[in-house]
Amino acid sequence: MGVVQRIMMFGGSAMIGFGQGFQPVCGFNYGARLYHRVKEGFWFSVKVTFVLLLAVSAAGFAWAPQLVSIFRDDPEVIAIGTAALRFQCVTFCLQKLGGHGQYVSADHGPDGSGHLYGGGPAGCSLSPPCGSWP
């Protein structure tokens, strides 16, 4: 799974970089009370990153065995990694949409909603297993 996460981080890093570029634009326009520009900027960044991640997902799905074999040459690891990478690629475009919501929420004041929104998915998926450990 570490191999799959390394591969998926290429597309994830691009989305994070695009979102970090959007965040100051969002903050400036929100502070200037230009809410229509915040909305336009949000939907523009969502559309651009969706298309970018769709292309990355399609490439990852098509070349999954070759990408996994760059990191490991064990046939069993390649088989498991290929399946995991393809599953990850199917939902990759939708996973990153929440990041833009976090960027918008983080700019709207010190109430912490952006941090709660951003940490929610990790907390929901990681807290139950950690809480069940002895």
N, C-alpha and C. Protein backbone atom coordinates (compact mmCIF):
# COMPACT_ATOMS: atom_id res chain seq x y z
N MET A 1 0.82 -1.20 0.00
CA MET A 1 0.00 0.00 0.00
C MET A 1 0.86 1.25 0.00
N GLY A 2 2.07 1.15 0.54
CA GLY A 2 2.96 2.30 0.53
C GLY A 2 3.33 2.71 -0.88
N VAL A 3 3.47 1.71 -1.75
CA VAL A 3 3.79 2.00 -3.15
C VAL A 3 2.64 2.77 -3.79
N VAL A 4 1.42 2.35 -3.53
CA VAL A 4 0.24 3.01 -4.09
C VAL A 4 0.15 4.44 -3.58
N GLN A 5 0.42 4.64 -2.30
CA GLN A 5 0.34 5.99 -1.75
C GLN A 5 1.41 6.90 -2.36
N ARG A 6 2.59 6.37 -2.61
CA ARG A 6 3.63 7.18 -3.27
C ARG A 6 3.20 7.60 -4.66
N ILE A 7 2.60 6.69 -5.40
CA ILE A 7 2.16 6.99 -6.76
C ILE A 7 1.02 8.01 -6.73
N MET A 8 0.06 7.83 -5.84
CA MET A 8 -1.09 8.72 -5.79
C MET A 8 -0.71 10.11 -5.27
N MET A 9 0.39 10.20 -4.56
CA MET A 9 0.79 11.50 -4.04
C MET A 9 1.25 12.44 -5.15
N PHE A 10 1.63 11.92 -6.30
CA PHE A 10 1.99 12.80 -7.42
C PHE A 10 0.80 13.68 -7.80
N GLY A 11 -0.34 13.06 -8.02
CA GLY A 11 -1.54 13.83 -8.34
C GLY A 11 -2.04 14.62 -7.16
N GLY A 12 -1.93 14.05 -5.97
CA GLY A 12 -2.36 14.76 -4.77
C GLY A 12 -1.54 16.02 -4.52
N SER A 13 -0.26 15.96 -4.80
CA SER A 13 0.58 17.14 -4.61
C SER A 13 0.19 18.26 -5.57
N ALA A 14 -0.17 17.90 -6.78
CA ALA A 14 -0.61 18.91 -7.74
C ALA A 14 -1.90 19.57 -7.26
N MET A 15 -2.81 18.79 -6.72
CA MET A 15 -4.06 19.34 -6.22
C MET A 15 -3.80 20.24 -5.01
N ILE A 16 -2.93 19.82 -4.13
CA ILE A 16 -2.62 20.64 -2.95
C ILE A 16 -1.98 21.96 -3.37
N GLY A 17 -1.07 21.90 -4.32
CA GLY A 17 -0.43 23.13 -4.81
C GLY A 17 -1.42 24.07 -5.45
N PHE A 18 -2.32 23.54 -6.24
CA PHE A 18 -3.35 24.38 -6.88
C PHE A 18 -4.25 24.99 -5.82
N GLY A 19 -4.62 24.20 -4.83
CA GLY A 19 -5.48 24.71 -3.76
C GLY A 19 -4.78 25.76 -2.92
N GLN A 20 -3.49 25.60 -2.68
CA GLN A 20 -2.76 26.61 -1.92
C GLN A 20 -2.60 27.90 -2.72
N GLY A 21 -2.61 27.81 -4.03
CA GLY A 21 -2.62 29.01 -4.85
C GLY A 21 -3.98 29.69 -4.84
N PHE A 22 -5.02 28.91 -4.71
CA PHE A 22 -6.38 29.45 -4.67
C PHE A 22 -6.68 30.10 -3.32
N GLN A 23 -6.08 29.60 -2.27
CA GLN A 23 -6.44 30.06 -0.93
C GLN A 23 -6.21 31.56 -0.71
N PRO A 24 -5.07 32.15 -1.10
CA PRO A 24 -4.95 33.61 -0.91
C PRO A 24 -5.94 34.41 -1.75
N VAL A 25 -6.23 33.94 -2.96
CA VAL A 25 -7.22 34.62 -3.80
C VAL A 25 -8.57 34.59 -3.10
N CYS A 26 -8.91 33.47 -2.55
CA CYS A 26 -10.17 33.33 -1.82
C CYS A 26 -10.19 34.27 -0.61
N GLY A 27 -9.11 34.28 0.15
CA GLY A 27 -9.05 35.13 1.33
C GLY A 27 -9.14 36.61 1.02
N PHE A 28 -8.44 37.06 -0.01
CA PHE A 28 -8.48 38.47 -0.38
C PHE A 28 -9.88 38.88 -0.83
N ASN A 29 -10.49 38.05 -1.64
CA ASN A 29 -11.83 38.38 -2.14
C ASN A 29 -12.89 38.29 -1.04
N TYR A 30 -12.73 37.35 -0.14
CA TYR A 30 -13.67 37.25 0.97
C TYR A 30 -13.53 38.47 1.88
N GLY A 31 -12.29 38.86 2.15
CA GLY A 31 -12.06 40.05 2.98
C GLY A 31 -12.58 41.32 2.34
N ALA A 32 -12.57 41.39 1.01
CA ALA A 32 -13.08 42.55 0.29
C ALA A 32 -14.59 42.46 0.05
N ARG A 33 -15.20 41.42 0.59
CA ARG A 33 -16.63 41.17 0.43
C ARG A 33 -17.05 40.97 -1.03
N LEU A 34 -16.16 40.41 -1.80
CA LEU A 34 -16.47 40.07 -3.20
C LEU A 34 -16.83 38.59 -3.26
N TYR A 35 -17.95 38.25 -2.68
CA TYR A 35 -18.34 36.85 -2.51
C TYR A 35 -18.58 36.15 -3.84
N HIS A 36 -19.02 36.88 -4.86
CA HIS A 36 -19.22 36.24 -6.16
C HIS A 36 -17.88 35.77 -6.74
N ARG A 37 -16.80 36.51 -6.45
CA ARG A 37 -15.48 36.08 -6.93
C ARG A 37 -14.97 34.87 -6.15
N VAL A 38 -15.32 34.78 -4.87
CA VAL A 38 -14.96 33.60 -4.09
C VAL A 38 -15.64 32.38 -4.69
N LYS A 39 -16.92 32.52 -5.00
CA LYS A 39 -17.69 31.41 -5.58
C LYS A 39 -17.15 31.03 -6.96
N GLU A 40 -16.88 32.03 -7.80
CA GLU A 40 -16.33 31.76 -9.13
C GLU A 40 -14.96 31.08 -9.03
N GLY A 41 -14.11 31.59 -8.13
CA GLY A 41 -12.79 31.00 -7.96
C GLY A 41 -12.84 29.58 -7.44
N PHE A 42 -13.77 29.32 -6.53
CA PHE A 42 -13.95 27.98 -5.99
C PHE A 42 -14.32 27.00 -7.10
N TRP A 43 -15.33 27.36 -7.89
CA TRP A 43 -15.78 26.44 -8.94
C TRP A 43 -14.75 26.30 -10.05
N PHE A 44 -14.01 27.36 -10.33
CA PHE A 44 -12.93 27.25 -11.31
C PHE A 44 -11.88 26.27 -10.84
N SER A 45 -11.45 26.40 -9.58
CA SER A 45 -10.41 25.49 -9.08
C SER A 45 -10.91 24.06 -8.98
N VAL A 46 -12.18 23.88 -8.62
CA VAL A 46 -12.75 22.53 -8.57
C VAL A 46 -12.74 21.89 -9.96
N LYS A 47 -13.16 22.66 -10.97
CA LYS A 47 -13.21 22.12 -12.33
C LYS A 47 -11.82 21.78 -12.86
N VAL A 48 -10.87 22.69 -12.65
CA VAL A 48 -9.52 22.45 -13.17
C VAL A 48 -8.87 21.25 -12.48
N THR A 49 -8.97 21.18 -11.16
CA THR A 49 -8.35 20.04 -10.48
C THR A 49 -9.08 18.74 -10.78
N PHE A 50 -10.40 18.80 -10.98
CA PHE A 50 -11.12 17.58 -11.34
C PHE A 50 -10.62 17.03 -12.67
N VAL A 51 -10.46 17.91 -13.65
CA VAL A 51 -9.98 17.47 -14.96
C VAL A 51 -8.54 16.96 -14.86
N LEU A 52 -7.70 17.67 -14.12
CA LEU A 52 -6.32 17.23 -13.93
C LEU A 52 -6.26 15.86 -13.26
N LEU A 53 -7.02 15.70 -12.19
CA LEU A 53 -7.00 14.43 -11.47
C LEU A 53 -7.69 13.31 -12.25
N LEU A 54 -8.63 13.66 -13.09
CA LEU A 54 -9.24 12.66 -13.97
C LEU A 54 -8.20 12.12 -14.94
N ALA A 55 -7.37 13.00 -15.49
CA ALA A 55 -6.31 12.57 -16.40
C ALA A 55 -5.27 11.72 -15.65
N VAL A 56 -4.90 12.14 -14.45
CA VAL A 56 -3.95 11.37 -13.65
C VAL A 56 -4.54 10.01 -13.30
N SER A 57 -5.82 9.99 -12.94
CA SER A 57 -6.49 8.72 -12.60
C SER A 57 -6.56 7.78 -13.79
N ALA A 58 -6.87 8.32 -14.97
CA ALA A 58 -6.94 7.48 -16.16
C ALA A 58 -5.57 6.89 -16.49
N ALA A 59 -4.53 7.71 -16.38
CA ALA A 59 -3.18 7.21 -16.65
C ALA A 59 -2.77 6.16 -15.61
N GLY A 60 -3.09 6.44 -14.35
CA GLY A 60 -2.76 5.48 -13.30
C GLY A 60 -3.51 4.17 -13.45
N PHE A 61 -4.76 4.25 -13.86
CA PHE A 61 -5.55 3.03 -14.07
C PHE A 61 -4.99 2.22 -15.24
N ALA A 62 -4.65 2.91 -16.32
CA ALA A 62 -4.16 2.22 -17.52
C ALA A 62 -2.78 1.61 -17.31
N TRP A 63 -1.91 2.32 -16.62
CA TRP A 63 -0.52 1.85 -16.47
C TRP A 63 -0.21 1.39 -15.05
N ALA A 64 -1.21 0.91 -14.34
CA ALA A 64 -1.02 0.49 -12.95
C ALA A 64 0.09 -0.57 -12.78
N PRO A 65 0.11 -1.64 -13.55
CA PRO A 65 1.17 -2.64 -13.33
C PRO A 65 2.57 -2.07 -13.57
N GLN A 66 2.71 -1.24 -14.59
CA GLN A 66 4.01 -0.66 -14.89
C GLN A 66 4.45 0.31 -13.80
N LEU A 67 3.52 1.09 -13.27
CA LEU A 67 3.87 2.04 -12.22
C LEU A 67 4.27 1.33 -10.93
N VAL A 68 3.55 0.29 -10.56
CA VAL A 68 3.89 -0.45 -9.34
C VAL A 68 5.22 -1.17 -9.51
N SER A 69 5.50 -1.67 -10.70
CA SER A 69 6.75 -2.40 -10.91
C SER A 69 7.97 -1.50 -10.88
N ILE A 70 7.79 -0.19 -10.97
CA ILE A 70 8.92 0.73 -10.81
C ILE A 70 9.48 0.63 -9.40
N PHE A 71 8.61 0.42 -8.42
CA PHE A 71 9.02 0.41 -7.02
C PHE A 71 9.38 -0.98 -6.51
N ARG A 72 8.72 -2.02 -7.03
CA ARG A 72 8.98 -3.39 -6.57
C ARG A 72 8.92 -4.34 -7.75
N ASP A 73 9.70 -5.42 -7.69
CA ASP A 73 9.70 -6.39 -8.78
C ASP A 73 9.10 -7.74 -8.39
N ASP A 74 8.53 -7.84 -7.22
CA ASP A 74 7.88 -9.06 -6.76
C ASP A 74 6.51 -9.18 -7.42
N PRO A 75 6.22 -10.31 -8.12
CA PRO A 75 4.94 -10.45 -8.84
C PRO A 75 3.71 -10.34 -7.93
N GLU A 76 3.81 -10.86 -6.72
CA GLU A 76 2.67 -10.79 -5.81
C GLU A 76 2.40 -9.34 -5.38
N VAL A 77 3.46 -8.60 -5.10
CA VAL A 77 3.31 -7.19 -4.73
C VAL A 77 2.73 -6.40 -5.91
N ILE A 78 3.19 -6.71 -7.11
CA ILE A 78 2.69 -6.01 -8.29
C ILE A 78 1.20 -6.30 -8.50
N ALA A 79 0.78 -7.55 -8.28
CA ALA A 79 -0.63 -7.90 -8.44
C ALA A 79 -1.51 -7.18 -7.42
N ILE A 80 -1.11 -7.19 -6.16
CA ILE A 80 -1.89 -6.51 -5.12
C ILE A 80 -1.85 -5.00 -5.33
N GLY A 81 -0.67 -4.48 -5.63
CA GLY A 81 -0.52 -3.04 -5.85
C GLY A 81 -1.32 -2.55 -7.05
N THR A 82 -1.38 -3.36 -8.10
CA THR A 82 -2.16 -2.99 -9.29
C THR A 82 -3.63 -2.88 -8.95
N ALA A 83 -4.15 -3.85 -8.21
CA ALA A 83 -5.57 -3.80 -7.82
C ALA A 83 -5.84 -2.60 -6.91
N ALA A 84 -4.97 -2.38 -5.94
CA ALA A 84 -5.16 -1.25 -5.02
C ALA A 84 -5.06 0.09 -5.74
N LEU A 85 -4.12 0.20 -6.66
CA LEU A 85 -3.96 1.45 -7.41
C LEU A 85 -5.17 1.72 -8.29
N ARG A 86 -5.70 0.69 -8.89
CA ARG A 86 -6.89 0.88 -9.73
C ARG A 86 -8.10 1.28 -8.90
N PHE A 87 -8.27 0.67 -7.73
CA PHE A 87 -9.37 1.08 -6.85
C PHE A 87 -9.20 2.54 -6.43
N GLN A 88 -7.97 2.92 -6.12
CA GLN A 88 -7.70 4.30 -5.71
C GLN A 88 -7.98 5.27 -6.85
N CYS A 89 -7.63 4.89 -8.06
CA CYS A 89 -7.83 5.76 -9.22
C CYS A 89 -9.30 5.99 -9.54
N VAL A 90 -10.15 5.02 -9.23
CA VAL A 90 -11.57 5.15 -9.53
C VAL A 90 -12.19 6.33 -8.76
N THR A 91 -11.77 6.55 -7.53
CA THR A 91 -12.36 7.59 -6.69
C THR A 91 -11.45 8.79 -6.45
N PHE A 92 -10.31 8.81 -7.10
CA PHE A 92 -9.32 9.85 -6.80
C PHE A 92 -9.83 11.25 -7.10
N CYS A 93 -10.57 11.43 -8.16
CA CYS A 93 -11.10 12.76 -8.52
C CYS A 93 -12.03 13.28 -7.44
N LEU A 94 -12.81 12.41 -6.86
CA LEU A 94 -13.80 12.83 -5.87
C LEU A 94 -13.18 13.02 -4.49
N GLN A 95 -12.12 12.29 -4.19
CA GLN A 95 -11.49 12.40 -2.87
C GLN A 95 -10.96 13.81 -2.62
N LYS A 96 -10.43 14.42 -3.63
CA LYS A 96 -9.75 15.69 -3.46
C LYS A 96 -10.68 16.90 -3.49
N LEU A 97 -11.95 16.71 -3.78
CA LEU A 97 -12.88 17.83 -3.79
C LEU A 97 -13.05 18.42 -2.39
N GLY A 98 -12.92 17.60 -1.39
CA GLY A 98 -13.02 18.10 -0.02
C GLY A 98 -11.92 19.07 0.34
N GLY A 99 -10.78 18.96 -0.31
CA GLY A 99 -9.68 19.88 -0.03
C GLY A 99 -10.03 21.31 -0.36
N HIS A 100 -10.77 21.52 -1.42
CA HIS A 100 -11.16 22.88 -1.78
C HIS A 100 -12.15 23.45 -0.78
N GLY A 101 -13.03 22.62 -0.26
CA GLY A 101 -13.92 23.08 0.79
C GLY A 101 -13.15 23.50 2.03
N GLN A 102 -12.09 22.78 2.31
CA GLN A 102 -11.24 23.14 3.46
C GLN A 102 -10.55 24.46 3.22
N TYR A 103 -10.05 24.70 2.01
CA TYR A 103 -9.37 25.95 1.73
C TYR A 103 -10.31 27.14 1.86
N VAL A 104 -11.54 26.98 1.39
CA VAL A 104 -12.51 28.06 1.51
C VAL A 104 -12.87 28.28 2.98
N SER A 105 -13.11 27.21 3.71
CA SER A 105 -13.49 27.32 5.12
C SER A 105 -12.38 27.92 5.97
N ALA A 106 -11.14 27.62 5.66
CA ALA A 106 -10.02 28.12 6.44
C ALA A 106 -9.86 29.63 6.31
N ASP A 107 -10.33 30.20 5.21
CA ASP A 107 -10.21 31.64 4.99
C ASP A 107 -11.33 32.45 5.62
N HIS A 108 -12.32 31.83 6.16
CA HIS A 108 -13.50 32.56 6.61
C HIS A 108 -13.46 32.92 8.08
N GLY A 109 -12.34 32.89 8.70
CA GLY A 109 -12.25 33.35 10.08
C GLY A 109 -11.61 32.35 11.01
N PRO A 110 -11.47 32.75 12.26
CA PRO A 110 -10.74 31.94 13.24
C PRO A 110 -11.59 30.89 13.95
N ASP A 111 -12.74 30.54 13.40
CA ASP A 111 -13.60 29.60 14.12
C ASP A 111 -13.11 28.15 14.03
N GLY A 112 -12.15 27.87 13.18
CA GLY A 112 -11.57 26.53 13.10
C GLY A 112 -12.35 25.56 12.24
N SER A 113 -13.38 26.02 11.55
CA SER A 113 -14.19 25.10 10.76
C SER A 113 -13.38 24.47 9.62
N GLY A 114 -12.42 25.20 9.07
CA GLY A 114 -11.60 24.64 8.00
C GLY A 114 -10.75 23.48 8.49
N HIS A 115 -10.23 23.60 9.70
CA HIS A 115 -9.42 22.53 10.25
C HIS A 115 -10.27 21.32 10.62
N LEU A 116 -11.46 21.59 11.14
CA LEU A 116 -12.38 20.50 11.45
C LEU A 116 -12.80 19.79 10.18
N TYR A 117 -13.11 20.57 9.14
CA TYR A 117 -13.52 20.01 7.86
C TYR A 117 -12.38 19.21 7.23
N GLY A 118 -11.17 19.72 7.30
CA GLY A 118 -10.03 19.04 6.70
C GLY A 118 -9.61 17.79 7.44
N GLY A 119 -9.74 17.81 8.75
CA GLY A 119 -9.35 16.65 9.54
C GLY A 119 -10.43 15.63 9.71
N GLY A 120 -11.64 15.96 9.30
CA GLY A 120 -12.77 15.06 9.47
C GLY A 120 -12.61 13.70 8.82
N PRO A 121 -12.26 13.66 7.52
CA PRO A 121 -12.13 12.35 6.88
C PRO A 121 -11.06 11.47 7.51
N ALA A 122 -9.93 12.07 7.88
CA ALA A 122 -8.87 11.28 8.51
C ALA A 122 -9.32 10.81 9.88
N GLY A 123 -10.00 11.70 10.61
CA GLY A 123 -10.48 11.32 11.94
C GLY A 123 -11.54 10.24 11.89
N CYS A 124 -12.40 10.32 10.90
CA CYS A 124 -13.47 9.32 10.78
C CYS A 124 -12.93 7.95 10.38
N SER A 125 -11.86 7.95 9.59
CA SER A 125 -11.35 6.67 9.13
C SER A 125 -10.25 6.11 10.02
N LEU A 126 -9.53 6.97 10.72
CA LEU A 126 -8.42 6.49 11.53
C LEU A 126 -8.73 6.35 13.01
N SER A 127 -9.66 7.13 13.52
CA SER A 127 -9.96 7.07 14.96
C SER A 127 -10.57 5.75 15.39
N PRO A 128 -11.55 5.20 14.67
CA PRO A 128 -12.13 3.92 15.13
C PRO A 128 -11.09 2.77 15.21
N PRO A 129 -10.23 2.59 14.19
CA PRO A 129 -9.25 1.51 14.34
C PRO A 129 -8.28 1.76 15.50
N CYS A 130 -7.86 3.01 15.67
CA CYS A 130 -6.92 3.30 16.74
C CYS A 130 -7.57 3.12 18.11
N GLY A 131 -8.87 3.43 18.21
CA GLY A 131 -9.57 3.26 19.46
C GLY A 131 -9.81 1.81 19.83
N SER A 132 -9.77 0.92 18.85
CA SER A 132 -10.02 -0.49 19.13
C SER A 132 -8.74 -1.26 19.45
N TRP A 133 -7.59 -0.60 19.35
CA TRP A 133 -6.34 -1.28 19.68
C TRP A 133 -6.20 -1.41 21.20
N PRO A 134 -5.60 -2.48 21.66
CA PRO A 134 -5.46 -2.65 23.11
C PRO A 134 -4.47 -1.69 23.71
